[in-house]
Amino acid sequence: MNTRTVEIGVGVFVALGFAALLMLAMRVSNLAESGGGHGYSVVAHFDNVGGLKVRSPVTIAGVRVGRVSDIRYDSEHYVAAVTMSIEPQFDRIPADSSASVLTAGLLGEQYIGLEPGGDETSLKDGDEIKFTQSALVLEQVVGQFLFSKASEGSK
């Protein structure tokens, strides 16, 4: 009888461990907070979104206010159109705000950072953010640096 309770206890402990690992995996992959459909959507156009992905965070001053809900190619303007789903409690974002594709850390995940403007009117469902700054592509920066050093060396 005593070994049976030990076996049951070990089984419960292992099951709790697997549940904790599953919850951690969901949290890391941003699947736990997908609760889509709530809030309002805004669109921004970028020349280059780098490694931005659907479900990447949208932040203001480091606070997550929404998520990227769609990334598609706009063949009319030859740019990337990014749709962001903003949570309903953040309904007073000025209409002249700017959006930038930023990187968390040196080589971390990419996200969208919103910089509030000064307009009295707020963004509404379906609005477009006009002022954008594309992703900084590390390969291009390194290439430009190496090219400038090579041209200095040939002088």
N, C-alpha and C. Protein backbone atom coordinates (compact mmCIF):
# COMPACT_ATOMS: atom_id res chain seq x y z
N MET A 1 0.82 -1.19 0.00
CA MET A 1 0.00 0.00 0.00
C MET A 1 0.87 1.26 0.00
N ASN A 2 1.97 1.20 0.74
CA ASN A 2 2.87 2.35 0.85
C ASN A 2 3.54 2.64 -0.49
N THR A 3 3.95 1.61 -1.23
CA THR A 3 4.58 1.83 -2.53
C THR A 3 3.58 2.36 -3.55
N ARG A 4 2.32 1.96 -3.39
CA ARG A 4 1.28 2.44 -4.32
C ARG A 4 1.10 3.96 -4.19
N THR A 5 1.08 4.51 -2.98
CA THR A 5 0.94 5.95 -2.79
C THR A 5 2.17 6.69 -3.31
N VAL A 6 3.33 6.10 -3.17
CA VAL A 6 4.55 6.72 -3.71
C VAL A 6 4.47 6.77 -5.23
N GLU A 7 4.00 5.66 -5.86
CA GLU A 7 3.88 5.64 -7.31
C GLU A 7 2.85 6.67 -7.80
N ILE A 8 1.75 6.80 -7.12
CA ILE A 8 0.73 7.79 -7.48
C ILE A 8 1.30 9.20 -7.32
N GLY A 9 2.01 9.44 -6.25
CA GLY A 9 2.63 10.75 -6.03
C GLY A 9 3.63 11.09 -7.11
N VAL A 10 4.46 10.13 -7.50
CA VAL A 10 5.43 10.36 -8.58
C VAL A 10 4.70 10.63 -9.89
N GLY A 11 3.63 9.89 -10.17
CA GLY A 11 2.85 10.11 -11.39
C GLY A 11 2.24 11.49 -11.45
N VAL A 12 1.68 11.96 -10.33
CA VAL A 12 1.11 13.30 -10.27
C VAL A 12 2.20 14.35 -10.45
N PHE A 13 3.34 14.13 -9.83
CA PHE A 13 4.46 15.06 -9.96
C PHE A 13 4.93 15.16 -11.41
N VAL A 14 5.06 14.02 -12.09
CA VAL A 14 5.49 14.02 -13.49
C VAL A 14 4.44 14.70 -14.37
N ALA A 15 3.15 14.44 -14.12
CA ALA A 15 2.09 15.07 -14.89
C ALA A 15 2.11 16.59 -14.70
N LEU A 16 2.32 17.07 -13.49
CA LEU A 16 2.43 18.51 -13.24
C LEU A 16 3.65 19.11 -13.95
N GLY A 17 4.74 18.34 -14.00
CA GLY A 17 5.94 18.80 -14.70
C GLY A 17 5.68 18.97 -16.19
N PHE A 18 4.98 17.99 -16.80
CA PHE A 18 4.64 18.10 -18.22
C PHE A 18 3.70 19.28 -18.47
N ALA A 19 2.74 19.48 -17.58
CA ALA A 19 1.81 20.61 -17.74
C ALA A 19 2.56 21.93 -17.65
N ALA A 20 3.52 22.03 -16.74
CA ALA A 20 4.31 23.26 -16.61
C ALA A 20 5.16 23.50 -17.86
N LEU A 21 5.74 22.43 -18.42
CA LEU A 21 6.54 22.58 -19.64
C LEU A 21 5.66 23.00 -20.82
N LEU A 22 4.46 22.45 -20.92
CA LEU A 22 3.54 22.83 -21.98
C LEU A 22 3.14 24.30 -21.86
N MET A 23 2.85 24.73 -20.64
CA MET A 23 2.48 26.13 -20.42
C MET A 23 3.65 27.06 -20.75
N LEU A 24 4.85 26.67 -20.40
CA LEU A 24 6.03 27.47 -20.71
C LEU A 24 6.24 27.55 -22.23
N ALA A 25 6.06 26.44 -22.93
CA ALA A 25 6.21 26.44 -24.38
C ALA A 25 5.17 27.33 -25.03
N MET A 26 3.94 27.30 -24.54
CA MET A 26 2.88 28.16 -25.09
C MET A 26 3.21 29.63 -24.85
N ARG A 27 3.74 29.94 -23.69
CA ARG A 27 4.06 31.32 -23.34
C ARG A 27 5.19 31.85 -24.22
N VAL A 28 6.21 31.02 -24.42
CA VAL A 28 7.36 31.44 -25.22
C VAL A 28 6.97 31.64 -26.67
N SER A 29 6.08 30.81 -27.20
CA SER A 29 5.71 30.91 -28.61
C SER A 29 4.57 31.89 -28.85
N ASN A 30 4.14 32.62 -27.85
CA ASN A 30 3.08 33.63 -27.95
C ASN A 30 1.72 33.04 -28.32
N LEU A 31 1.51 31.75 -28.10
CA LEU A 31 0.23 31.14 -28.43
C LEU A 31 -0.78 31.28 -27.30
N ALA A 32 -0.33 31.48 -26.10
CA ALA A 32 -1.24 31.55 -24.96
C ALA A 32 -2.07 32.81 -24.97
N GLU A 33 -1.57 33.86 -25.58
CA GLU A 33 -2.27 35.14 -25.55
C GLU A 33 -2.85 35.49 -26.92
N SER A 34 -3.33 34.50 -27.64
CA SER A 34 -3.79 34.78 -28.99
C SER A 34 -5.17 35.39 -29.02
N GLY A 35 -5.97 35.32 -28.00
CA GLY A 35 -7.31 35.85 -27.86
C GLY A 35 -7.76 36.81 -28.93
N GLY A 36 -7.65 36.47 -30.21
CA GLY A 36 -7.90 37.37 -31.31
C GLY A 36 -9.34 37.84 -31.41
N GLY A 37 -9.54 38.86 -32.23
CA GLY A 37 -10.87 39.36 -32.51
C GLY A 37 -11.30 40.53 -31.65
N HIS A 38 -10.60 40.83 -30.58
CA HIS A 38 -11.00 41.93 -29.70
C HIS A 38 -10.15 43.15 -30.02
N GLY A 39 -10.70 44.31 -29.80
CA GLY A 39 -9.97 45.54 -30.05
C GLY A 39 -10.24 46.06 -31.45
N TYR A 40 -9.28 46.82 -31.98
CA TYR A 40 -9.44 47.40 -33.30
C TYR A 40 -8.15 47.21 -34.09
N SER A 41 -8.26 47.26 -35.42
CA SER A 41 -7.13 47.01 -36.30
C SER A 41 -6.68 48.30 -36.97
N VAL A 42 -5.37 48.45 -37.08
CA VAL A 42 -4.77 49.55 -37.84
C VAL A 42 -3.72 48.94 -38.76
N VAL A 43 -3.42 49.65 -39.85
CA VAL A 43 -2.48 49.16 -40.86
C VAL A 43 -1.33 50.14 -40.98
N ALA A 44 -0.13 49.61 -41.19
CA ALA A 44 1.05 50.44 -41.47
C ALA A 44 1.81 49.78 -42.61
N HIS A 45 2.42 50.60 -43.46
CA HIS A 45 3.19 50.10 -44.60
C HIS A 45 4.68 50.33 -44.34
N PHE A 46 5.47 49.28 -44.56
CA PHE A 46 6.92 49.34 -44.34
C PHE A 46 7.65 48.89 -45.59
N ASP A 47 8.81 49.51 -45.87
CA ASP A 47 9.64 49.07 -46.99
C ASP A 47 10.25 47.70 -46.70
N ASN A 48 10.56 47.43 -45.43
CA ASN A 48 11.17 46.16 -45.05
C ASN A 48 10.75 45.83 -43.62
N VAL A 49 10.18 44.65 -43.41
CA VAL A 49 9.77 44.26 -42.05
C VAL A 49 10.78 43.32 -41.40
N GLY A 50 11.86 42.99 -42.10
CA GLY A 50 12.88 42.12 -41.53
C GLY A 50 12.30 40.79 -41.11
N GLY A 51 12.50 40.40 -39.86
CA GLY A 51 12.02 39.13 -39.34
C GLY A 51 10.73 39.24 -38.54
N LEU A 52 9.97 40.30 -38.76
CA LEU A 52 8.71 40.48 -38.04
C LEU A 52 7.76 39.33 -38.38
N LYS A 53 7.04 38.85 -37.38
CA LYS A 53 6.14 37.72 -37.57
C LYS A 53 4.75 38.07 -37.06
N VAL A 54 3.77 37.31 -37.54
CA VAL A 54 2.42 37.43 -37.01
C VAL A 54 2.48 37.05 -35.53
N ARG A 55 1.73 37.74 -34.70
CA ARG A 55 1.68 37.62 -33.24
C ARG A 55 2.86 38.31 -32.54
N SER A 56 3.70 39.04 -33.29
CA SER A 56 4.75 39.83 -32.64
C SER A 56 4.09 40.96 -31.85
N PRO A 57 4.69 41.38 -30.76
CA PRO A 57 4.08 42.44 -29.94
C PRO A 57 4.09 43.80 -30.62
N VAL A 58 3.10 44.61 -30.27
CA VAL A 58 3.04 46.03 -30.63
C VAL A 58 3.11 46.77 -29.30
N THR A 59 4.08 47.67 -29.16
CA THR A 59 4.29 48.31 -27.86
C THR A 59 4.27 49.84 -27.99
N ILE A 60 3.96 50.47 -26.87
CA ILE A 60 4.14 51.91 -26.69
C ILE A 60 4.89 52.07 -25.38
N ALA A 61 6.04 52.72 -25.42
CA ALA A 61 6.87 52.94 -24.23
C ALA A 61 7.20 51.63 -23.53
N GLY A 62 7.36 50.55 -24.29
CA GLY A 62 7.71 49.26 -23.72
C GLY A 62 6.54 48.44 -23.20
N VAL A 63 5.33 49.00 -23.27
CA VAL A 63 4.13 48.30 -22.78
C VAL A 63 3.40 47.70 -23.97
N ARG A 64 3.09 46.41 -23.90
CA ARG A 64 2.41 45.76 -25.00
C ARG A 64 0.97 46.24 -25.07
N VAL A 65 0.60 46.80 -26.25
CA VAL A 65 -0.76 47.31 -26.45
C VAL A 65 -1.52 46.51 -27.49
N GLY A 66 -0.83 45.57 -28.14
CA GLY A 66 -1.48 44.75 -29.15
C GLY A 66 -0.51 43.77 -29.77
N ARG A 67 -0.95 43.17 -30.88
CA ARG A 67 -0.15 42.17 -31.58
C ARG A 67 -0.29 42.38 -33.08
N VAL A 68 0.71 41.93 -33.83
CA VAL A 68 0.64 41.92 -35.29
C VAL A 68 -0.31 40.80 -35.68
N SER A 69 -1.35 41.13 -36.46
CA SER A 69 -2.32 40.11 -36.83
C SER A 69 -2.17 39.63 -38.27
N ASP A 70 -1.48 40.41 -39.12
CA ASP A 70 -1.32 40.00 -40.52
C ASP A 70 -0.16 40.77 -41.14
N ILE A 71 0.60 40.07 -41.99
CA ILE A 71 1.67 40.70 -42.78
C ILE A 71 1.47 40.21 -44.20
N ARG A 72 1.33 41.17 -45.12
CA ARG A 72 1.14 40.78 -46.52
C ARG A 72 1.90 41.77 -47.41
N TYR A 73 2.10 41.35 -48.64
CA TYR A 73 2.80 42.19 -49.62
C TYR A 73 1.77 43.01 -50.38
N ASP A 74 1.97 44.32 -50.41
CA ASP A 74 1.11 45.23 -51.15
C ASP A 74 1.72 45.43 -52.54
N SER A 75 1.18 44.69 -53.53
CA SER A 75 1.78 44.72 -54.87
C SER A 75 1.51 46.03 -55.60
N GLU A 76 0.60 46.84 -55.11
CA GLU A 76 0.34 48.13 -55.73
C GLU A 76 1.43 49.15 -55.39
N HIS A 77 1.90 49.12 -54.15
CA HIS A 77 2.92 50.07 -53.70
C HIS A 77 4.28 49.43 -53.48
N TYR A 78 4.39 48.10 -53.64
CA TYR A 78 5.65 47.37 -53.49
C TYR A 78 6.23 47.48 -52.09
N VAL A 79 5.38 47.39 -51.10
CA VAL A 79 5.79 47.44 -49.71
C VAL A 79 5.07 46.36 -48.92
N ALA A 80 5.46 46.18 -47.68
CA ALA A 80 4.78 45.24 -46.79
C ALA A 80 3.69 45.98 -46.03
N ALA A 81 2.50 45.41 -46.01
CA ALA A 81 1.38 45.98 -45.24
C ALA A 81 1.21 45.15 -43.98
N VAL A 82 1.35 45.79 -42.84
CA VAL A 82 1.27 45.11 -41.55
C VAL A 82 -0.01 45.55 -40.85
N THR A 83 -0.86 44.58 -40.52
CA THR A 83 -2.08 44.86 -39.78
C THR A 83 -1.83 44.55 -38.32
N MET A 84 -2.16 45.50 -37.45
CA MET A 84 -1.96 45.34 -36.02
C MET A 84 -3.31 45.34 -35.31
N SER A 85 -3.49 44.45 -34.38
CA SER A 85 -4.70 44.40 -33.58
C SER A 85 -4.37 45.05 -32.23
N ILE A 86 -4.99 46.19 -31.98
CA ILE A 86 -4.74 46.95 -30.75
C ILE A 86 -5.84 46.63 -29.75
N GLU A 87 -5.46 46.38 -28.51
CA GLU A 87 -6.43 46.03 -27.46
C GLU A 87 -7.36 47.21 -27.18
N PRO A 88 -8.62 46.93 -26.85
CA PRO A 88 -9.63 47.99 -26.74
C PRO A 88 -9.35 49.04 -25.66
N GLN A 89 -8.64 48.70 -24.61
CA GLN A 89 -8.40 49.70 -23.56
C GLN A 89 -7.41 50.77 -24.00
N PHE A 90 -6.70 50.54 -25.13
CA PHE A 90 -5.77 51.54 -25.66
C PHE A 90 -6.43 52.25 -26.84
N ASP A 91 -7.53 52.93 -26.60
CA ASP A 91 -8.31 53.55 -27.66
C ASP A 91 -8.01 55.03 -27.83
N ARG A 92 -6.98 55.54 -27.17
CA ARG A 92 -6.66 56.97 -27.28
C ARG A 92 -5.25 57.19 -27.84
N ILE A 93 -4.86 56.36 -28.79
CA ILE A 93 -3.57 56.53 -29.46
C ILE A 93 -3.74 57.60 -30.53
N PRO A 94 -2.94 58.67 -30.49
CA PRO A 94 -3.11 59.76 -31.47
C PRO A 94 -2.99 59.27 -32.91
N ALA A 95 -3.77 59.87 -33.80
CA ALA A 95 -3.82 59.45 -35.20
C ALA A 95 -2.52 59.72 -35.94
N ASP A 96 -1.69 60.66 -35.47
CA ASP A 96 -0.43 60.95 -36.15
C ASP A 96 0.75 60.21 -35.52
N SER A 97 0.49 59.11 -34.84
CA SER A 97 1.55 58.30 -34.24
C SER A 97 2.41 57.67 -35.34
N SER A 98 3.63 57.32 -34.97
CA SER A 98 4.53 56.66 -35.93
C SER A 98 4.79 55.23 -35.46
N ALA A 99 5.11 54.35 -36.42
CA ALA A 99 5.39 52.94 -36.13
C ALA A 99 6.77 52.58 -36.66
N SER A 100 7.53 51.85 -35.86
CA SER A 100 8.87 51.41 -36.26
C SER A 100 9.01 49.92 -35.99
N VAL A 101 9.72 49.23 -36.86
CA VAL A 101 10.06 47.83 -36.62
C VAL A 101 11.35 47.84 -35.82
N LEU A 102 11.28 47.34 -34.59
CA LEU A 102 12.42 47.37 -33.67
C LEU A 102 12.85 45.95 -33.34
N THR A 103 14.04 45.82 -32.75
CA THR A 103 14.56 44.52 -32.35
C THR A 103 14.81 44.52 -30.85
N ALA A 104 14.33 43.47 -30.18
CA ALA A 104 14.56 43.31 -28.75
C ALA A 104 15.99 42.79 -28.56
N GLY A 105 16.86 43.62 -28.05
CA GLY A 105 18.25 43.23 -27.88
C GLY A 105 19.00 43.32 -29.19
N LEU A 106 20.21 42.76 -29.22
CA LEU A 106 21.04 42.85 -30.42
C LEU A 106 20.54 41.95 -31.54
N LEU A 107 20.19 40.72 -31.21
CA LEU A 107 19.71 39.77 -32.22
C LEU A 107 18.38 39.15 -31.82
N GLY A 108 17.59 39.84 -31.01
CA GLY A 108 16.34 39.28 -30.51
C GLY A 108 15.21 39.35 -31.50
N GLU A 109 14.01 39.01 -31.02
CA GLU A 109 12.84 39.03 -31.89
C GLU A 109 12.47 40.46 -32.26
N GLN A 110 11.82 40.61 -33.40
CA GLN A 110 11.42 41.93 -33.84
C GLN A 110 9.97 42.20 -33.44
N TYR A 111 9.67 43.46 -33.20
CA TYR A 111 8.34 43.89 -32.79
C TYR A 111 8.09 45.29 -33.33
N ILE A 112 6.87 45.76 -33.18
CA ILE A 112 6.53 47.11 -33.63
C ILE A 112 6.43 48.03 -32.43
N GLY A 113 7.14 49.13 -32.49
CA GLY A 113 7.07 50.15 -31.46
C GLY A 113 6.31 51.35 -31.99
N LEU A 114 5.27 51.76 -31.28
CA LEU A 114 4.50 52.94 -31.66
C LEU A 114 5.00 54.13 -30.85
N GLU A 115 5.16 55.24 -31.53
CA GLU A 115 5.55 56.50 -30.88
C GLU A 115 4.37 57.45 -31.02
N PRO A 116 3.71 57.79 -29.90
CA PRO A 116 2.51 58.64 -29.99
C PRO A 116 2.84 60.02 -30.54
N GLY A 117 1.93 60.54 -31.33
CA GLY A 117 2.04 61.89 -31.87
C GLY A 117 1.31 62.87 -30.97
N GLY A 118 0.93 64.00 -31.53
CA GLY A 118 0.26 65.03 -30.74
C GLY A 118 -1.14 65.35 -31.22
N ASP A 119 -1.66 64.57 -32.14
CA ASP A 119 -2.99 64.83 -32.71
C ASP A 119 -4.08 64.62 -31.66
N GLU A 120 -5.12 65.44 -31.74
CA GLU A 120 -6.26 65.32 -30.82
C GLU A 120 -7.13 64.11 -31.16
N THR A 121 -7.19 63.74 -32.46
CA THR A 121 -8.01 62.59 -32.85
C THR A 121 -7.23 61.30 -32.61
N SER A 122 -7.96 60.24 -32.34
CA SER A 122 -7.35 58.95 -32.04
C SER A 122 -7.51 57.98 -33.20
N LEU A 123 -6.63 56.97 -33.23
CA LEU A 123 -6.74 55.92 -34.22
C LEU A 123 -8.04 55.15 -34.01
N LYS A 124 -8.67 54.78 -35.13
CA LYS A 124 -9.90 53.99 -35.07
C LYS A 124 -9.72 52.75 -35.93
N ASP A 125 -10.66 51.83 -35.83
CA ASP A 125 -10.61 50.59 -36.60
C ASP A 125 -10.50 50.90 -38.09
N GLY A 126 -9.48 50.30 -38.73
CA GLY A 126 -9.28 50.48 -40.17
C GLY A 126 -8.38 51.63 -40.55
N ASP A 127 -7.93 52.44 -39.59
CA ASP A 127 -7.05 53.58 -39.90
C ASP A 127 -5.67 53.09 -40.34
N GLU A 128 -4.93 54.00 -40.98
CA GLU A 128 -3.57 53.70 -41.41
C GLU A 128 -2.60 54.61 -40.69
N ILE A 129 -1.51 54.03 -40.21
CA ILE A 129 -0.42 54.81 -39.61
C ILE A 129 0.47 55.25 -40.75
N LYS A 130 0.58 56.57 -40.95
CA LYS A 130 1.28 57.13 -42.10
C LYS A 130 2.80 57.15 -41.92
N PHE A 131 3.27 57.43 -40.72
CA PHE A 131 4.70 57.59 -40.48
C PHE A 131 5.28 56.27 -40.00
N THR A 132 6.16 55.67 -40.81
CA THR A 132 6.75 54.37 -40.45
C THR A 132 8.25 54.40 -40.65
N GLN A 133 8.92 53.53 -39.93
CA GLN A 133 10.36 53.33 -40.09
C GLN A 133 10.59 51.83 -40.19
N SER A 134 11.22 51.40 -41.27
CA SER A 134 11.42 49.99 -41.54
C SER A 134 12.47 49.38 -40.62
N ALA A 135 12.57 48.06 -40.70
CA ALA A 135 13.51 47.31 -39.89
C ALA A 135 14.94 47.62 -40.31
N LEU A 136 15.83 47.61 -39.36
CA LEU A 136 17.26 47.74 -39.62
C LEU A 136 17.78 46.33 -39.88
N VAL A 137 18.22 46.08 -41.11
CA VAL A 137 18.70 44.75 -41.48
C VAL A 137 20.20 44.70 -41.21
N LEU A 138 20.60 43.83 -40.28
CA LEU A 138 21.98 43.76 -39.83
C LEU A 138 22.94 43.45 -40.98
N GLU A 139 22.54 42.60 -41.91
CA GLU A 139 23.40 42.25 -43.04
C GLU A 139 23.72 43.48 -43.90
N GLN A 140 22.73 44.36 -44.09
CA GLN A 140 22.96 45.56 -44.89
C GLN A 140 23.91 46.52 -44.18
N VAL A 141 23.77 46.65 -42.88
CA VAL A 141 24.65 47.53 -42.11
C VAL A 141 26.08 47.03 -42.16
N VAL A 142 26.27 45.72 -41.97
CA VAL A 142 27.62 45.14 -42.02
C VAL A 142 28.19 45.29 -43.42
N GLY A 143 27.37 45.07 -44.45
CA GLY A 143 27.83 45.22 -45.83
C GLY A 143 28.26 46.64 -46.14
N GLN A 144 27.50 47.62 -45.67
CA GLN A 144 27.87 49.02 -45.89
C GLN A 144 29.16 49.36 -45.16
N PHE A 145 29.32 48.83 -43.94
CA PHE A 145 30.53 49.08 -43.17
C PHE A 145 31.74 48.50 -43.89
N LEU A 146 31.63 47.24 -44.35
CA LEU A 146 32.75 46.61 -45.04
C LEU A 146 33.06 47.31 -46.36
N PHE A 147 32.03 47.75 -47.08
CA PHE A 147 32.24 48.45 -48.33
C PHE A 147 32.96 49.78 -48.09
N SER A 148 32.56 50.50 -47.03
CA SER A 148 33.22 51.79 -46.74
C SER A 148 34.67 51.58 -46.32
N LYS A 149 34.95 50.50 -45.58
CA LYS A 149 36.35 50.21 -45.18
C LYS A 149 37.18 49.81 -46.39
N ALA A 150 36.57 49.06 -47.32
CA ALA A 150 37.30 48.64 -48.51
C ALA A 150 37.63 49.83 -49.40
N SER A 151 36.69 50.77 -49.51
CA SER A 151 36.95 51.95 -50.35
C SER A 151 37.94 52.90 -49.69
N GLU A 152 38.01 52.93 -48.35
CA GLU A 152 39.02 53.74 -47.65
C GLU A 152 40.40 53.15 -47.85
N GLY A 153 40.49 51.82 -47.86
CA GLY A 153 41.77 51.16 -48.02
C GLY A 153 42.36 51.30 -49.41
N SER A 154 41.51 51.55 -50.41
CA SER A 154 42.01 51.69 -51.78
C SER A 154 42.50 53.11 -52.10
N LYS A 155 42.33 54.03 -51.18
CA LYS A 155 42.76 55.43 -51.42
C LYS A 155 44.22 55.62 -51.12
